[in-house]
C-alpha atoms as a PDB file:
ATOM      1  CA  MET A   1       9.887   7.904 -16.549  1.00  0.00           C
ATOM      2  CA  SER A   2       8.238  10.898 -16.186  1.00  0.00           C
ATOM      3  CA  ASP A   3       6.795  12.663 -13.305  1.00  0.00           C
ATOM      4  CA  ASN A   4       4.114  14.709 -12.250  1.00  0.00           C
ATOM      5  CA  LYS A   5       4.094  17.852  -9.927  1.00  0.00           C
ATOM      6  CA  THR A   6       3.886  15.797  -6.503  1.00  0.00           C
ATOM      7  CA  ILE A   7       4.328  12.157  -7.326  1.00  0.00           C
ATOM      8  CA  LEU A   8       7.808  11.145  -9.356  1.00  0.00           C
ATOM      9  CA  ILE A   9       7.828   7.806 -10.775  1.00  0.00           C
ATOM     10  CA  SER A  10      10.613   5.508 -12.104  1.00  0.00           C
ATOM     11  CA  GLN A  11      10.991   1.749 -13.000  1.00  0.00           C
ATOM     12  CA  GLU A  12      13.004  -0.826 -12.071  1.00  0.00           C
ATOM     13  CA  GLY A  13      12.668  -3.751 -14.058  1.00  0.00           C
ATOM     14  CA  ALA A  14       8.917  -5.004 -13.499  1.00  0.00           C
ATOM     15  CA  VAL A  15       8.648  -2.794 -10.241  1.00  0.00           C
ATOM     16  CA  ARG A  16       7.277   0.941 -10.843  1.00  0.00           C
ATOM     17  CA  ILE A  17       8.518   3.213  -7.950  1.00  0.00           C
ATOM     18  CA  LEU A  18       5.969   5.864  -6.815  1.00  0.00           C
ATOM     19  CA  THR A  19       7.378   8.865  -4.696  1.00  0.00           C
ATOM     20  CA  ASN A  20       5.397  11.214  -2.795  1.00  0.00           C
ATOM     21  CA  SER A  21       7.908  14.218  -3.645  1.00  0.00           C
ATOM     22  CA  ASN A  22       7.370  16.949  -1.064  1.00  0.00           C
ATOM     23  CA  PRO A  23      10.560  16.831   1.035  1.00  0.00           C
ATOM     24  CA  ALA A  24      10.114  20.505   2.544  1.00  0.00           C
ATOM     25  CA  SER A  25       7.100  19.718   4.526  1.00  0.00           C
ATOM     26  CA  ARG A  26       7.933  15.949   5.260  1.00  0.00           C
ATOM     27  CA  ASN A  27       5.948  14.830   2.174  1.00  0.00           C
ATOM     28  CA  ALA A  28       2.800  15.938   3.943  1.00  0.00           C
ATOM     29  CA  ILE A  29      -0.648  15.368   1.877  1.00  0.00           C
ATOM     30  CA  THR A  30      -2.423  17.782  -0.184  1.00  0.00           C
ATOM     31  CA  PRO A  31      -5.143  17.307  -2.116  1.00  0.00           C
ATOM     32  CA  THR A  32      -2.843  17.111  -5.086  1.00  0.00           C
ATOM     33  CA  LEU A  33      -1.751  13.863  -3.886  1.00  0.00           C
ATOM     34  CA  TYR A  34      -4.740  12.622  -4.026  1.00  0.00           C
ATOM     35  CA  ALA A  35      -5.658  12.487  -7.893  1.00  0.00           C
ATOM     36  CA  GLU A  36      -1.958  12.103  -8.829  1.00  0.00           C
ATOM     37  CA  LEU A  37      -1.621   9.318  -6.776  1.00  0.00           C
ATOM     38  CA  SER A  38      -4.520   7.444  -7.170  1.00  0.00           C
ATOM     39  CA  ALA A  39      -3.849   7.898 -11.412  1.00  0.00           C
ATOM     40  CA  ALA A  40      -0.041   6.814 -10.830  1.00  0.00           C
ATOM     41  CA  LEU A  41      -1.630   3.700  -9.440  1.00  0.00           C
ATOM     42  CA  ALA A  42      -4.491   3.666 -12.285  1.00  0.00           C
ATOM     43  CA  ASP A  43      -1.610   3.818 -15.039  1.00  0.00           C
ATOM     44  CA  ALA A  44       0.646   1.246 -12.870  1.00  0.00           C
ATOM     45  CA  GLN A  45      -2.192  -1.618 -12.838  1.00  0.00           C
ATOM     46  CA  ALA A  46      -2.917  -1.259 -16.655  1.00  0.00           C
ATOM     47  CA  ASP A  47       0.726  -1.278 -17.457  1.00  0.00           C
ATOM     48  CA  PRO A  48       1.415  -5.045 -18.406  1.00  0.00           C
ATOM     49  CA  GLU A  49       4.912  -4.506 -17.968  1.00  0.00           C
ATOM     50  CA  VAL A  50       4.637  -3.675 -14.090  1.00  0.00           C
ATOM     51  CA  GLY A  51       4.362  -6.433 -11.986  1.00  0.00           C
ATOM     52  CA  ALA A  52       4.498  -4.907  -8.462  1.00  0.00           C
ATOM     53  CA  ILE A  53       4.608  -1.295  -7.198  1.00  0.00           C
ATOM     54  CA  VAL A  54       6.626   0.549  -4.303  1.00  0.00           C
ATOM     55  CA  PHE A  55       5.569   3.542  -2.799  1.00  0.00           C
ATOM     56  CA  THR A  56       7.754   5.607  -1.169  1.00  0.00           C
ATOM     57  CA  GLY A  57       8.333   9.286   0.305  1.00  0.00           C
ATOM     58  CA  ALA A  58      11.377  11.338  -0.766  1.00  0.00           C
ATOM     59  CA  GLY A  59      13.969  12.716   1.646  1.00  0.00           C
ATOM     60  CA  ASP A  60      14.400  10.930   4.823  1.00  0.00           C
ATOM     61  CA  PHE A  61      10.553  10.420   6.021  1.00  0.00           C
ATOM     62  CA  PHE A  62       7.877   8.682   4.434  1.00  0.00           C
ATOM     63  CA  CYS A  63       4.576  11.323   5.295  1.00  0.00           C
ATOM     64  CA  SER A  64       3.948  13.833   7.651  1.00  0.00           C
ATOM     65  CA  GLY A  65       0.148  12.980   7.399  1.00  0.00           C
ATOM     66  CA  GLY A  66      -1.825  16.272   6.502  1.00  0.00           C
ATOM     67  CA  ASP A  67      -0.697  19.676   5.779  1.00  0.00           C
ATOM     68  CA  LEU A  68      -1.696  21.271   9.089  1.00  0.00           C
ATOM     69  CA  ASN A  69      -1.333  25.044   6.925  1.00  0.00           C
ATOM     70  CA  LEU A  70      -4.512  24.041   4.802  1.00  0.00           C
ATOM     71  CA  LEU A  71      -6.162  21.895   7.770  1.00  0.00           C
ATOM     72  CA  ALA A  72      -6.518  25.420   9.248  1.00  0.00           C
ATOM     73  CA  LYS A  73      -8.404  26.756   6.391  1.00  0.00           C
ATOM     74  CA  ARG A  74     -11.015  23.922   6.655  1.00  0.00           C
ATOM     75  CA  ARG A  75     -12.861  25.607   9.389  1.00  0.00           C
ATOM     76  CA  GLU A  76     -13.803  28.197   7.185  1.00  0.00           C
ATOM     77  CA  LEU A  77     -15.610  26.044   4.415  1.00  0.00           C
ATOM     78  CA  PRO A  78     -19.270  24.378   5.009  1.00  0.00           C
ATOM     79  CA  ALA A  79     -19.045  20.832   6.154  1.00  0.00           C
ATOM     80  CA  SER A  80     -20.226  19.481   2.794  1.00  0.00           C
ATOM     81  CA  GLU A  81     -17.164  21.053   1.188  1.00  0.00           C
ATOM     82  CA  ARG A  82     -14.796  19.779   3.921  1.00  0.00           C
ATOM     83  CA  ARG A  83     -16.365  15.963   3.444  1.00  0.00           C
ATOM     84  CA  GLN A  84     -16.222  16.611  -0.166  1.00  0.00           C
ATOM     85  CA  ILE A  85     -12.275  17.044  -0.075  1.00  0.00           C
ATOM     86  CA  LEU A  86     -12.031  14.433   2.497  1.00  0.00           C
ATOM     87  CA  GLU A  87     -13.248  11.775  -0.275  1.00  0.00           C
ATOM     88  CA  GLY A  88     -10.489  12.282  -2.168  1.00  0.00           C
ATOM     89  CA  LEU A  89      -8.314  11.070   0.738  1.00  0.00           C
ATOM     90  CA  ASN A  90     -10.441   7.938   1.083  1.00  0.00           C
ATOM     91  CA  ASN A  91     -10.797   7.002  -2.891  1.00  0.00           C
ATOM     92  CA  LEU A  92      -6.660   7.033  -2.661  1.00  0.00           C
ATOM     93  CA  ILE A  93      -7.158   4.783   0.388  1.00  0.00           C
ATOM     94  CA  ARG A  94      -9.407   2.718  -1.644  1.00  0.00           C
ATOM     95  CA  ALA A  95      -6.954   2.955  -4.641  1.00  0.00           C
ATOM     96  CA  LEU A  96      -4.009   1.496  -2.975  1.00  0.00           C
ATOM     97  CA  ARG A  97      -6.147  -1.235  -0.982  1.00  0.00           C
ATOM     98  CA  ASP A  98      -8.055  -2.387  -4.498  1.00  0.00           C
ATOM     99  CA  CYS A  99      -5.149  -2.083  -6.873  1.00  0.00           C
ATOM    100  CA  SER A 100      -4.615  -5.650  -8.484  1.00  0.00           C
ATOM    101  CA  LYS A 101      -0.670  -5.473  -8.590  1.00  0.00           C
ATOM    102  CA  PRO A 102       0.925  -5.885  -5.024  1.00  0.00           C
ATOM    103  CA  VAL A 103       1.763  -2.573  -3.604  1.00  0.00           C
ATOM    104  CA  ILE A 104       4.923  -2.326  -1.141  1.00  0.00           C
ATOM    105  CA  ALA A 105       5.434   0.825   1.511  1.00  0.00           C
ATOM    106  CA  ALA A 106       8.986   1.933   2.057  1.00  0.00           C
ATOM    107  CA  VAL A 107       8.858   3.707   5.275  1.00  0.00           C
ATOM    108  CA  GLU A 108      12.126   6.131   6.358  1.00  0.00           C
ATOM    109  CA  GLY A 109      11.429   8.277   9.265  1.00  0.00           C
ATOM    110  CA  GLY A 110       8.238   8.296   9.991  1.00  0.00           C
ATOM    111  CA  ALA A 111       4.355   8.334   9.268  1.00  0.00           C
ATOM    112  CA  ALA A 112       1.925   9.830  10.609  1.00  0.00           C
ATOM    113  CA  GLY A 113      -1.672  10.617  10.727  1.00  0.00           C
ATOM    114  CA  ALA A 114      -2.931   9.691   7.146  1.00  0.00           C
ATOM    115  CA  GLY A 115       0.623   8.779   6.383  1.00  0.00           C
ATOM    116  CA  LEU A 116       0.540   6.034   8.436  1.00  0.00           C
ATOM    117  CA  SER A 117      -3.082   5.073   6.773  1.00  0.00           C
ATOM    118  CA  MET A 118      -1.643   4.987   3.111  1.00  0.00           C
ATOM    119  CA  ALA A 119       1.535   2.983   4.564  1.00  0.00           C
ATOM    120  CA  LEU A 120      -1.335   0.499   6.022  1.00  0.00           C
ATOM    121  CA  ALA A 121      -3.435   0.472   2.760  1.00  0.00           C
ATOM    122  CA  CYS A 122      -0.798  -1.115   0.998  1.00  0.00           C
ATOM    123  CA  ASP A 123       0.062  -5.059   0.966  1.00  0.00           C
ATOM    124  CA  MET A 124       3.308  -4.822   2.160  1.00  0.00           C
ATOM    125  CA  LEU A 125       5.282  -2.582   4.611  1.00  0.00           C
ATOM    126  CA  VAL A 126       9.103  -2.531   4.645  1.00  0.00           C
ATOM    127  CA  SER A 127      10.332   0.024   7.405  1.00  0.00           C
ATOM    128  CA  ALA A 128      13.557   1.196   8.718  1.00  0.00           C
ATOM    129  CA  ARG A 129      13.999   0.015  12.043  1.00  0.00           C
ATOM    130  CA  ASP A 130      14.658   3.945  13.659  1.00  0.00           C
ATOM    131  CA  ALA A 131      11.236   4.825  11.896  1.00  0.00           C
ATOM    132  CA  PHE A 132       7.443   5.325  14.079  1.00  0.00           C
ATOM    133  CA  PHE A 133       4.567   5.360  13.203  1.00  0.00           C
ATOM    134  CA  THR A 134       1.931   7.943  14.979  1.00  0.00           C
ATOM    135  CA  VAL A 135      -1.628   8.366  15.283  1.00  0.00           C
ATOM    136  CA  ALA A 136      -0.998  11.925  15.839  1.00  0.00           C
ATOM    137  CA  TYR A 137      -4.544  13.702  15.060  1.00  0.00           C
ATOM    138  CA  VAL A 138      -5.395  14.274  18.776  1.00  0.00           C
ATOM    139  CA  LYS A 139      -2.609  16.324  19.247  1.00  0.00           C
ATOM    140  CA  VAL A 140      -4.175  19.451  17.064  1.00  0.00           C
ATOM    141  CA  GLY A 141      -7.798  18.573  18.461  1.00  0.00           C
ATOM    142  CA  LEU A 142      -8.387  15.813  15.096  1.00  0.00           C
ATOM    143  CA  THR A 143      -9.765  12.721  14.944  1.00  0.00           C
ATOM    144  CA  PRO A 144      -8.703  10.155  12.734  1.00  0.00           C
ATOM    145  CA  ASP A 145      -9.432   9.354   9.177  1.00  0.00           C
ATOM    146  CA  GLY A 146      -7.732   7.637   5.918  1.00  0.00           C
ATOM    147  CA  GLY A 147      -9.039   4.262   7.548  1.00  0.00           C
ATOM    148  CA  ALA A 148      -6.071   4.663   9.993  1.00  0.00           C
ATOM    149  CA  THR A 149      -8.211   2.687  13.411  1.00  0.00           C
ATOM    150  CA  ALA A 150      -9.679   0.362  10.834  1.00  0.00           C
ATOM    151  CA  PHE A 151      -6.156  -1.035   9.523  1.00  0.00           C
ATOM    152  CA  LEU A 152      -4.694  -0.562  13.134  1.00  0.00           C
ATOM    153  CA  SER A 153      -7.452  -2.898  14.614  1.00  0.00           C
ATOM    154  CA  GLU A 154      -6.259  -5.821  12.577  1.00  0.00           C
ATOM    155  CA  PHE A 155      -3.049  -5.726  14.346  1.00  0.00           C
ATOM    156  CA  VAL A 156      -3.665  -3.713  18.102  1.00  0.00           C
ATOM    157  CA  SER A 157      -6.347  -4.778  20.541  1.00  0.00           C
ATOM    158  CA  ARG A 158      -8.670  -1.792  21.455  1.00  0.00           C
ATOM    159  CA  GLN A 159      -7.016  -0.902  24.320  1.00  0.00           C
ATOM    160  CA  VAL A 160      -3.776  -0.507  22.751  1.00  0.00           C
ATOM    161  CA  LEU A 161      -5.916   0.999  19.760  1.00  0.00           C
ATOM    162  CA  THR A 162      -7.295   3.725  22.041  1.00  0.00           C
ATOM    163  CA  GLU A 163      -4.166   4.623  23.550  1.00  0.00           C
ATOM    164  CA  MET A 164      -2.672   4.912  20.582  1.00  0.00           C
ATOM    165  CA  CYS A 165      -5.399   7.544  19.153  1.00  0.00           C
ATOM    166  CA  LEU A 166      -5.862   9.396  22.657  1.00  0.00           C
ATOM    167  CA  THR A 167      -2.562   9.964  23.222  1.00  0.00           C
ATOM    168  CA  GLY A 168      -1.075  10.592  19.424  1.00  0.00           C
ATOM    169  CA  ASP A 169       2.096   8.776  21.392  1.00  0.00           C
ATOM    170  CA  ARG A 170       4.617   7.150  18.644  1.00  0.00           C
ATOM    171  CA  MET A 171       4.787   3.396  18.136  1.00  0.00           C
ATOM    172  CA  PRO A 172       8.404   2.471  16.541  1.00  0.00           C
ATOM    173  CA  ALA A 173       8.493   0.416  14.058  1.00  0.00           C
ATOM    174  CA  GLU A 174      10.294  -2.290  15.993  1.00  0.00           C
ATOM    175  CA  ARG A 175       6.871  -2.690  18.029  1.00  0.00           C
ATOM    176  CA  LEU A 176       4.615  -2.730  14.762  1.00  0.00           C
ATOM    177  CA  HIS A 177       6.596  -5.414  13.034  1.00  0.00           C
ATOM    178  CA  ALA A 178       6.469  -7.344  16.228  1.00  0.00           C
ATOM    179  CA  LEU A 179       2.883  -6.935  16.017  1.00  0.00           C
ATOM    180  CA  GLY A 180       2.781  -8.168  12.357  1.00  0.00           C
ATOM    181  CA  ALA A 181       2.127  -4.848  10.645  1.00  0.00           C
ATOM    182  CA  VAL A 182       5.519  -4.597   9.392  1.00  0.00           C
ATOM    183  CA  ASN A 183       7.165  -6.878   7.243  1.00  0.00           C
ATOM    184  CA  ARG A 184      10.624  -6.271   7.229  1.00  0.00           C
ATOM    185  CA  LEU A 185      13.086  -3.973   8.886  1.00  0.00           C
ATOM    186  CA  THR A 186      16.173  -2.371   7.762  1.00  0.00           C
ATOM    187  CA  ASP A 187      18.748  -0.253   8.954  1.00  0.00           C
ATOM    188  CA  LYS A 188      18.456   3.406   8.443  1.00  0.00           C
ATOM    189  CA  GLY A 189      18.184   4.783   4.460  1.00  0.00           C
ATOM    190  CA  ALA A 190      17.810   1.056   3.159  1.00  0.00           C
ATOM    191  CA  ALA A 191      14.030   0.391   2.965  1.00  0.00           C
ATOM    192  CA  LEU A 192      13.379   1.863  -0.362  1.00  0.00           C
ATOM    193  CA  ALA A 193      16.166  -1.167  -1.510  1.00  0.00           C
ATOM    194  CA  GLU A 194      14.520  -3.876   0.292  1.00  0.00           C
ATOM    195  CA  ALA A 195      11.359  -2.518  -0.562  1.00  0.00           C
ATOM    196  CA  ILE A 196      12.368  -2.841  -4.321  1.00  0.00           C
ATOM    197  CA  ALA A 197      14.250  -6.586  -3.659  1.00  0.00           C
ATOM    198  CA  LEU A 198      10.830  -7.712  -2.369  1.00  0.00           C
ATOM    199  CA  ALA A 199       8.529  -6.035  -5.047  1.00  0.00           C
ATOM    200  CA  ALA A 200      10.785  -7.376  -7.887  1.00  0.00           C
ATOM    201  CA  LYS A 201      10.978 -11.183  -6.111  1.00  0.00           C
ATOM    202  CA  VAL A 202       6.991 -10.706  -6.178  1.00  0.00           C
ATOM    203  CA  ALA A 203       7.049  -8.826  -9.640  1.00  0.00           C
ATOM    204  CA  ASN A 204       8.353 -11.918 -11.178  1.00  0.00           C
ATOM    205  CA  GLY A 205       5.249 -13.995 -10.064  1.00  0.00           C
ATOM    206  CA  PRO A 206       2.256 -14.659 -12.299  1.00  0.00           C
ATOM    207  CA  GLN A 207       0.282 -11.882 -12.089  1.00  0.00           C
ATOM    208  CA  ARG A 208      -3.397 -12.769 -12.383  1.00  0.00           C
ATOM    209  CA  ALA A 209      -2.987 -15.532  -9.620  1.00  0.00           C
ATOM    210  CA  SER A 210      -1.335 -12.844  -7.613  1.00  0.00           C
ATOM    211  CA  ALA A 211      -4.418 -10.191  -8.233  1.00  0.00           C
ATOM    212  CA  ARG A 212      -6.628 -13.503  -6.732  1.00  0.00           C
ATOM    213  CA  ILE A 213      -4.201 -13.781  -3.953  1.00  0.00           C
ATOM    214  CA  LYS A 214      -4.208 -10.146  -2.945  1.00  0.00           C
ATOM    215  CA  SER A 215      -7.774  -9.966  -2.707  1.00  0.00           C
ATOM    216  CA  LEU A 216      -8.057 -13.187  -0.711  1.00  0.00           C
ATOM    217  CA  CYS A 217      -5.703 -11.837   1.786  1.00  0.00           C
ATOM    218  CA  ARG A 218      -7.673  -8.597   2.072  1.00  0.00           C
ATOM    219  CA  GLN A 219     -10.620  -9.825   2.780  1.00  0.00           C
ATOM    220  CA  ALA A 220      -9.829 -13.054   5.141  1.00  0.00           C
ATOM    221  CA  HIS A 221      -9.328 -10.492   8.374  1.00  0.00           C
ATOM    222  CA  ARG A 222     -13.153  -9.615   8.118  1.00  0.00           C
ATOM    223  CA  ALA A 223     -14.934 -12.978   6.471  1.00  0.00           C
ATOM    224  CA  THR A 224     -16.234 -15.923   7.549  1.00  0.00           C
ATOM    225  CA  LEU A 225     -14.266 -19.711   6.943  1.00  0.00           C
ATOM    226  CA  GLU A 226     -17.643 -19.920   4.450  1.00  0.00           C
ATOM    227  CA  GLU A 227     -17.201 -16.962   2.141  1.00  0.00           C
ATOM    228  CA  GLN A 228     -13.425 -17.357   2.569  1.00  0.00           C
ATOM    229  CA  LEU A 229     -14.131 -20.974   1.373  1.00  0.00           C
ATOM    230  CA  ASP A 230     -16.387 -20.203  -1.212  1.00  0.00           C
ATOM    231  CA  ALA A 231     -13.804 -17.205  -2.542  1.00  0.00           C
ATOM    232  CA  GLU A 232     -10.828 -19.522  -2.543  1.00  0.00           C
ATOM    233  CA  ALA A 233     -12.836 -21.917  -4.674  1.00  0.00           C
ATOM    234  CA  VAL A 234     -14.000 -19.428  -7.246  1.00  0.00           C
ATOM    235  CA  PHE A 235     -10.548 -18.257  -7.584  1.00  0.00           C
ATOM    236  CA  ILE A 236      -9.167 -21.488  -7.991  1.00  0.00           C
ATOM    237  CA  VAL A 237     -11.030 -22.381 -10.514  1.00  0.00           C
ATOM    238  CA  GLU A 238     -10.018 -19.560 -12.344  1.00  0.00           C
ATOM    239  CA  SER A 239      -6.650 -20.201 -11.790  1.00  0.00           C
ATOM    240  CA  GLN A 240      -7.027 -23.667 -13.005  1.00  0.00           C
ATOM    241  CA  GLY A 241      -8.299 -22.443 -16.768  1.00  0.00           C
ATOM    242  CA  ASP A 242      -5.286 -19.976 -16.926  1.00  0.00           C
ATOM    243  CA  ALA A 243      -1.837 -20.188 -19.019  1.00  0.00           C
ATOM    244  CA  GLU A 244      -0.393 -18.952 -15.809  1.00  0.00           C
ATOM    245  CA  ALA A 245      -1.288 -22.383 -14.416  1.00  0.00           C
ATOM    246  CA  ALA A 246      -0.193 -24.252 -17.223  1.00  0.00           C
ATOM    247  CA  GLU A 247       3.369 -22.506 -17.423  1.00  0.00           C
ATOM    248  CA  GLY A 248       3.360 -23.033 -13.350  1.00  0.00           C
ATOM    249  CA  ILE A 249       2.776 -26.614 -13.024  1.00  0.00           C
ATOM    250  CA  GLY A 250       4.511 -27.657 -16.477  1.00  0.00           C
ATOM    251  CA  ALA A 251       7.894 -26.039 -15.395  1.00  0.00           C
ATOM    252  CA  PHE A 252       7.249 -27.588 -11.812  1.00  0.00           C
ATOM    253  CA  LEU A 253       7.061 -30.697 -13.631  1.00  0.00           C
ATOM    254  CA  GLY A 254       9.850 -30.360 -16.310  1.00  0.00           C
ATOM    255  CA  LYS A 255      12.326 -29.593 -13.439  1.00  0.00           C
ATOM    256  CA  ARG A 256      12.481 -25.754 -15.289  1.00  0.00           C
ATOM    257  CA  LYS A 257      11.948 -22.419 -14.059  1.00  0.00           C
ATOM    258  CA  ALA A 258       8.734 -21.258 -14.660  1.00  0.00           C
ATOM    259  CA  ASP A 259       8.698 -18.265 -16.896  1.00  0.00           C
ATOM    260  CA  PHE A 260       5.556 -15.950 -16.061  1.00  0.00           C
ATOM    261  CA  ALA A 261       7.104 -13.055 -17.583  1.00  0.00           C
ATOM    262  CA  ALA A 262       6.334 -13.681 -21.100  1.00  0.00           C
ATOM    263  CA  LEU A 263       2.532 -14.011 -19.630  1.00  0.00           C
ATOM    264  CA  ARG A 264       2.183 -10.628 -19.386  1.00  0.00           C
ATOM    265  CA  GLY A 265      -0.394  -9.272 -21.436  1.00  0.00           C
ATOM    266  CA  ARG A 266      -1.490 -12.015 -23.382  1.00  0.00           C
ATOM    267  CA  LYS A 267      -4.898 -13.625 -22.985  1.00  0.00           C
ATOM    268  CA  GLN A 268      -5.203 -16.812 -20.918  1.00  0.00           C
ATOM    269  CA  GLY A 269      -7.328 -19.576 -20.888  1.00  0.00           C
ATOM    270  CA  ALA A 270     -11.054 -19.752 -20.324  1.00  0.00           C
ATOM    271  CA  SER A 271     -12.128 -19.342 -16.608  1.00  0.00           C
END
């Protein structure tokens, strides 16, 4: 596959792999990354041959957060321009969260600052057992961004969240796994392979149904029961009219393996 200046793009079967390649600075985030990763996600979402996406960092560290050399220069800018730059990060977080195809983060080494936000914005997270996660902003006199407090609040209490943000201490991957934020732990160096294997399993499923499931899971944390019942009703009614359901149910009744891959990119039934 092709590659950009910062994002390397490759493919294994139906899995698109996006790699933040800035290892000299531990894959620190730059404004270039905002546009390139957002564009790469949009391209993967539009490609019918892509069933799932893995996002990782080059080398032995997922992402160290914002580039402090660049952040040091922001003080010279007016607040309006600083906000405009930050919207690039916010839009990237939205792109990760809202992509219709499952996005799995593969974390080695650590995820700090907005790197943690990007990892938690993904639908699933595979991490090396020795990796760590940190909301490190306070150590350089800054406050969290990129949705870090929103994502972490889904897994930890207010007290733990406050401690993480006010101390900037590292939280081991094993603890985040125990809290439910990390799906799978691996040995050092094996996170990417495990994430690709998980993505391949998901990618072979029904794409339209998977997109609906992702939407339901994304909103479930904050939705009321009535809102979730309504959303589930809308989606299952739509799904029942799709060719995916015809294939899946037919395969189950016929005691054969469903071939959802054959339906990729094809027009589905009335919904």
